Amino acid sequence: MKAKASVIAQRLLNLYRQAHVIEGGWVALNKIFIAESTDEILDELAALPTGKFLVEHINNLRSGKTPVDSIARELLPYGGAFAEKSLHTEISEHDLRELITAINDFTPDQQGLEKFVATPVIRSFGKDWVMSVQAILANDTDLFDKFTQIARMWNAYKIWLNANEVVDKPINDRLRAQLQVDMPEYETYLPMFGEEGTKLLRRLHALTSSLPASSDSEQD
């Protein structure tokens, strides 16, 4: 039985409030928000305490205003306070200078990305480096925006590699269902790679409808 809109809305709000401890960060959460938020659910969310912030965030995702791996600073849960306390955000003056220098010296190509993520201060944050740095830079709009573009480009390269892996796999019901869930992310990032990215996106779209109905999930 399909869950009631009010139940789904409360679950989405709980996920939003717990973003700072969820594996996969905003990429994982935003895919869920996009996949599960109908207009009815948004109406339910708007009636819940702090739900209006999540509604605005989801609308930003739908319109493309906010990338799938991010969230507007002013819409961070609890004003970002939880993220700042739960993530690695303690940083020395030396490391802060290193971080600022790395951001300002960044070159928008693969070599620049690899150099940036290899910077000792970035490596010190571990797998949550994007959210940690965003929390540290939350009060510096210029640096925050510059860093978000770097993080977006890094995610784009990961999406590019993942998309190429997907098109090389035998298609089945399970893979097609996952591809449909991930499609907003592919649609956001693959066009950044020009004609090659557009061609790859077309191949992914074709895969979502290429599995014959009679095959069911026999390949799972």
Protein backbone atom coordinates (compact mmCIF):
# COMPACT_ATOMS: atom_id res chain seq x y z
CA MET A 1 0.00 0.00 0.00
CA LYS A 2 1.30 3.40 -0.92
CA ALA A 3 2.29 5.49 2.08
CA LYS A 4 0.20 8.55 2.80
CA ALA A 5 1.63 11.87 1.66
CA SER A 6 1.84 13.05 5.27
CA VAL A 7 3.98 10.03 6.24
CA ILE A 8 6.35 10.52 3.31
CA ALA A 9 6.58 14.25 4.04
CA GLN A 10 7.57 13.60 7.66
CA ARG A 11 10.18 11.04 6.56
CA LEU A 12 11.70 13.51 4.09
CA LEU A 13 11.80 16.20 6.76
CA ASN A 14 13.53 13.79 9.16
CA LEU A 15 16.15 13.05 6.49
CA TYR A 16 16.65 16.77 5.92
CA ARG A 17 17.16 17.37 9.65
CA GLN A 18 19.67 14.50 9.87
CA ALA A 19 21.66 15.45 6.75
CA HIS A 20 24.85 15.92 8.75
CA VAL A 21 25.07 12.21 9.62
CA ILE A 22 23.71 10.59 6.46
CA GLU A 23 26.13 8.64 4.28
CA GLY A 24 26.43 10.18 0.84
CA GLY A 25 25.60 13.71 1.97
CA TRP A 26 23.49 16.01 -0.19
CA VAL A 27 23.96 13.95 -3.35
CA ALA A 28 22.20 10.97 -1.76
CA LEU A 29 19.54 13.06 -0.04
CA ASN A 30 18.72 15.27 -3.00
CA LYS A 31 18.10 12.25 -5.23
CA ILE A 32 15.55 11.04 -2.68
CA PHE A 33 13.93 14.48 -2.42
CA ILE A 34 13.57 14.72 -6.22
CA ALA A 35 12.27 11.17 -6.64
CA GLU A 36 9.68 11.26 -3.85
CA SER A 37 8.39 14.83 -3.66
CA THR A 38 5.04 15.20 -5.40
CA ASP A 39 3.03 18.42 -5.20
CA GLU A 40 0.84 16.75 -2.57
CA ILE A 41 3.86 15.90 -0.45
CA LEU A 42 5.18 19.46 -0.78
CA ASP A 43 1.84 20.73 0.53
CA GLU A 44 2.19 18.42 3.54
CA LEU A 45 5.77 19.54 4.10
CA ALA A 46 4.79 23.21 4.05
CA ALA A 47 2.49 22.58 7.01
CA LEU A 48 5.24 21.00 9.14
CA PRO A 49 7.63 22.96 11.40
CA THR A 50 10.65 24.06 9.28
CA GLY A 51 9.12 22.19 6.37
CA LYS A 52 8.93 25.35 4.30
CA PHE A 53 12.74 25.39 4.09
CA LEU A 54 12.80 21.88 2.66
CA VAL A 55 10.02 22.83 0.22
CA GLU A 56 12.11 25.74 -1.02
CA HIS A 57 15.16 23.50 -1.32
CA ILE A 58 13.21 20.90 -3.33
CA ASN A 59 11.82 23.57 -5.61
CA ASN A 60 15.38 24.83 -6.16
CA LEU A 61 16.43 21.29 -7.11
CA ARG A 62 13.49 20.91 -9.49
CA SER A 63 14.24 24.17 -11.26
CA GLY A 64 17.97 23.51 -11.49
CA LYS A 65 18.79 26.56 -9.36
CA THR A 66 20.54 24.28 -6.87
CA PRO A 67 22.90 21.52 -8.16
CA VAL A 68 22.09 17.97 -7.10
CA ASP A 69 25.14 17.83 -4.84
CA SER A 70 24.42 21.00 -2.90
CA ILE A 71 22.00 23.16 -0.93
CA ALA A 72 21.70 26.93 -0.60
CA ARG A 73 23.55 28.16 2.50
CA GLU A 74 20.45 29.86 3.89
CA LEU A 75 18.49 26.58 3.68
CA LEU A 76 20.95 24.40 5.61
CA PRO A 77 19.17 22.53 8.45
CA TYR A 78 19.38 24.41 11.73
CA GLY A 79 21.15 27.21 9.90
CA GLY A 80 24.13 24.88 9.40
CA ALA A 81 24.78 24.67 13.14
CA PHE A 82 24.51 20.86 13.28
CA ALA A 83 26.79 20.44 10.31
CA GLU A 84 29.41 22.64 11.87
CA LYS A 85 29.37 20.66 15.13
CA SER A 86 29.23 17.19 13.57
CA LEU A 87 31.72 17.53 10.75
CA HIS A 88 35.46 18.10 10.90
CA THR A 89 35.46 21.91 10.89
CA GLU A 90 38.26 22.73 13.31
CA ILE A 91 41.01 24.33 11.30
CA SER A 92 44.23 26.15 12.16
CA GLU A 93 45.16 29.52 10.72
CA HIS A 94 47.84 27.81 8.64
CA ASP A 95 45.38 25.29 7.20
CA LEU A 96 42.81 28.01 6.57
CA ARG A 97 45.37 29.96 4.56
CA GLU A 98 46.23 26.79 2.64
CA LEU A 99 42.55 26.19 1.93
CA ILE A 100 41.97 29.73 0.70
CA THR A 101 45.09 29.57 -1.49
CA ALA A 102 43.98 26.24 -2.98
CA ILE A 103 40.56 27.67 -3.82
CA ASN A 104 41.91 30.86 -5.36
CA ASP A 105 44.62 29.02 -7.36
CA PHE A 106 42.26 26.34 -8.67
CA THR A 107 42.32 25.71 -12.42
CA PRO A 108 39.08 24.28 -13.96
CA ASP A 109 40.46 21.11 -15.54
CA GLN A 110 41.09 17.52 -14.49
CA GLN A 111 44.67 18.25 -13.46
CA GLY A 112 43.47 21.17 -11.35
CA LEU A 113 40.86 18.96 -9.68
CA GLU A 114 43.36 16.24 -8.85
CA LYS A 115 45.78 18.80 -7.46
CA PHE A 116 43.04 20.39 -5.35
CA VAL A 117 41.77 17.17 -3.73
CA ALA A 118 45.38 16.14 -3.06
CA THR A 119 45.99 19.30 -1.02
CA PRO A 120 46.84 18.22 2.55
CA VAL A 121 44.13 20.38 4.12
CA ILE A 122 41.47 18.86 1.84
CA ARG A 123 42.70 15.33 2.51
CA SER A 124 42.50 15.99 6.24
CA PHE A 125 38.69 16.27 6.03
CA GLY A 126 38.30 12.71 4.71
CA LYS A 127 35.27 11.62 2.69
CA ASP A 128 33.13 14.50 4.00
CA TRP A 129 35.48 17.17 2.65
CA VAL A 130 32.80 18.96 0.63
CA MET A 131 30.39 19.44 3.52
CA SER A 132 33.20 20.23 5.96
CA VAL A 133 34.65 22.98 3.79
CA GLN A 134 31.19 24.39 3.06
CA ALA A 135 30.58 24.62 6.81
CA ILE A 136 33.92 26.37 7.35
CA LEU A 137 33.24 28.88 4.58
CA ALA A 138 29.56 29.41 5.40
CA ASN A 139 30.11 33.06 6.35
CA ASP A 140 32.28 33.95 3.36
CA THR A 141 29.96 34.15 0.36
CA ASP A 142 32.68 34.66 -2.24
CA LEU A 143 34.85 31.73 -1.15
CA PHE A 144 31.81 29.54 -0.50
CA ASP A 145 30.58 30.07 -4.07
CA LYS A 146 34.05 29.47 -5.54
CA PHE A 147 34.41 26.26 -3.57
CA THR A 148 30.93 25.05 -4.52
CA GLN A 149 31.89 25.33 -8.19
CA ILE A 150 35.02 23.27 -7.52
CA ALA A 151 33.00 20.61 -5.68
CA ARG A 152 30.45 20.58 -8.47
CA MET A 153 33.16 20.01 -11.08
CA TRP A 154 34.68 17.22 -9.00
CA ASN A 155 31.30 15.55 -8.74
CA ALA A 156 30.79 15.98 -12.49
CA TYR A 157 33.94 13.97 -13.22
CA LYS A 158 32.78 11.21 -10.88
CA ILE A 159 29.37 11.17 -12.60
CA TRP A 160 31.10 10.99 -16.00
CA LEU A 161 33.08 7.92 -14.91
CA ASN A 162 30.02 6.29 -13.37
CA ALA A 163 27.91 6.91 -16.49
CA ASN A 164 30.52 5.24 -18.67
CA GLU A 165 30.48 2.23 -16.36
CA VAL A 166 26.68 2.03 -16.54
CA VAL A 167 26.48 1.98 -20.35
CA ASP A 168 29.00 -0.88 -20.43
CA LYS A 169 26.91 -3.08 -18.12
CA PRO A 170 24.19 -5.55 -19.22
CA ILE A 171 20.86 -3.83 -18.59
CA ASN A 172 18.27 -5.41 -16.29
CA ASP A 173 15.26 -4.23 -14.29
CA ARG A 174 17.27 -3.41 -11.19
CA LEU A 175 19.89 -1.39 -13.05
CA ARG A 176 17.22 0.42 -15.06
CA ALA A 177 15.33 1.36 -11.86
CA GLN A 178 18.54 2.73 -10.29
CA LEU A 179 19.32 4.59 -13.49
CA GLN A 180 15.91 6.29 -13.38
CA VAL A 181 16.54 7.40 -9.81
CA ASP A 182 20.00 8.72 -10.71
CA MET A 183 18.89 10.38 -13.96
CA PRO A 184 18.49 13.92 -12.50
CA GLU A 185 22.13 13.79 -11.48
CA TYR A 186 23.24 12.65 -14.95
CA GLU A 187 21.08 15.34 -16.54
CA THR A 188 22.70 17.96 -14.33
CA TYR A 189 26.34 17.08 -14.92
CA LEU A 190 26.84 15.30 -18.24
CA PRO A 191 25.99 18.36 -20.38
CA MET A 192 29.04 20.00 -18.79
CA PHE A 193 31.14 17.72 -21.04
CA GLY A 194 29.76 19.15 -24.28
CA GLU A 195 28.76 16.93 -27.19
CA GLU A 196 30.37 13.82 -25.68
CA GLY A 197 28.39 14.33 -22.48
CA THR A 198 25.17 14.86 -24.45
CA LYS A 199 25.74 11.66 -26.42
CA LEU A 200 26.37 9.74 -23.21
CA LEU A 201 23.20 11.16 -21.67
CA ARG A 202 21.19 10.03 -24.72
CA ARG A 203 22.58 6.52 -24.28
CA LEU A 204 21.49 6.51 -20.63
CA HIS A 205 18.00 7.68 -21.56
CA ALA A 206 17.80 4.88 -24.12
CA LEU A 207 18.77 2.32 -21.50
CA THR A 208 15.86 3.26 -19.24
CA SER A 209 13.41 1.92 -21.83
CA SER A 210 15.49 -0.75 -23.54
CA LEU A 211 14.68 -3.72 -21.33
CA PRO A 212 11.95 -5.96 -22.82
CA ALA A 213 9.02 -6.40 -20.47
CA SER A 214 9.18 -10.19 -20.87
CA SER A 215 12.70 -10.38 -19.40
CA ASP A 216 11.53 -9.16 -16.00
CA SER A 217 14.48 -9.43 -13.62
CA GLU A 218 15.90 -12.77 -14.68
CA GLN A 219 19.34 -11.24 -14.96
CA ASP A 220 19.35 -9.98 -11.34
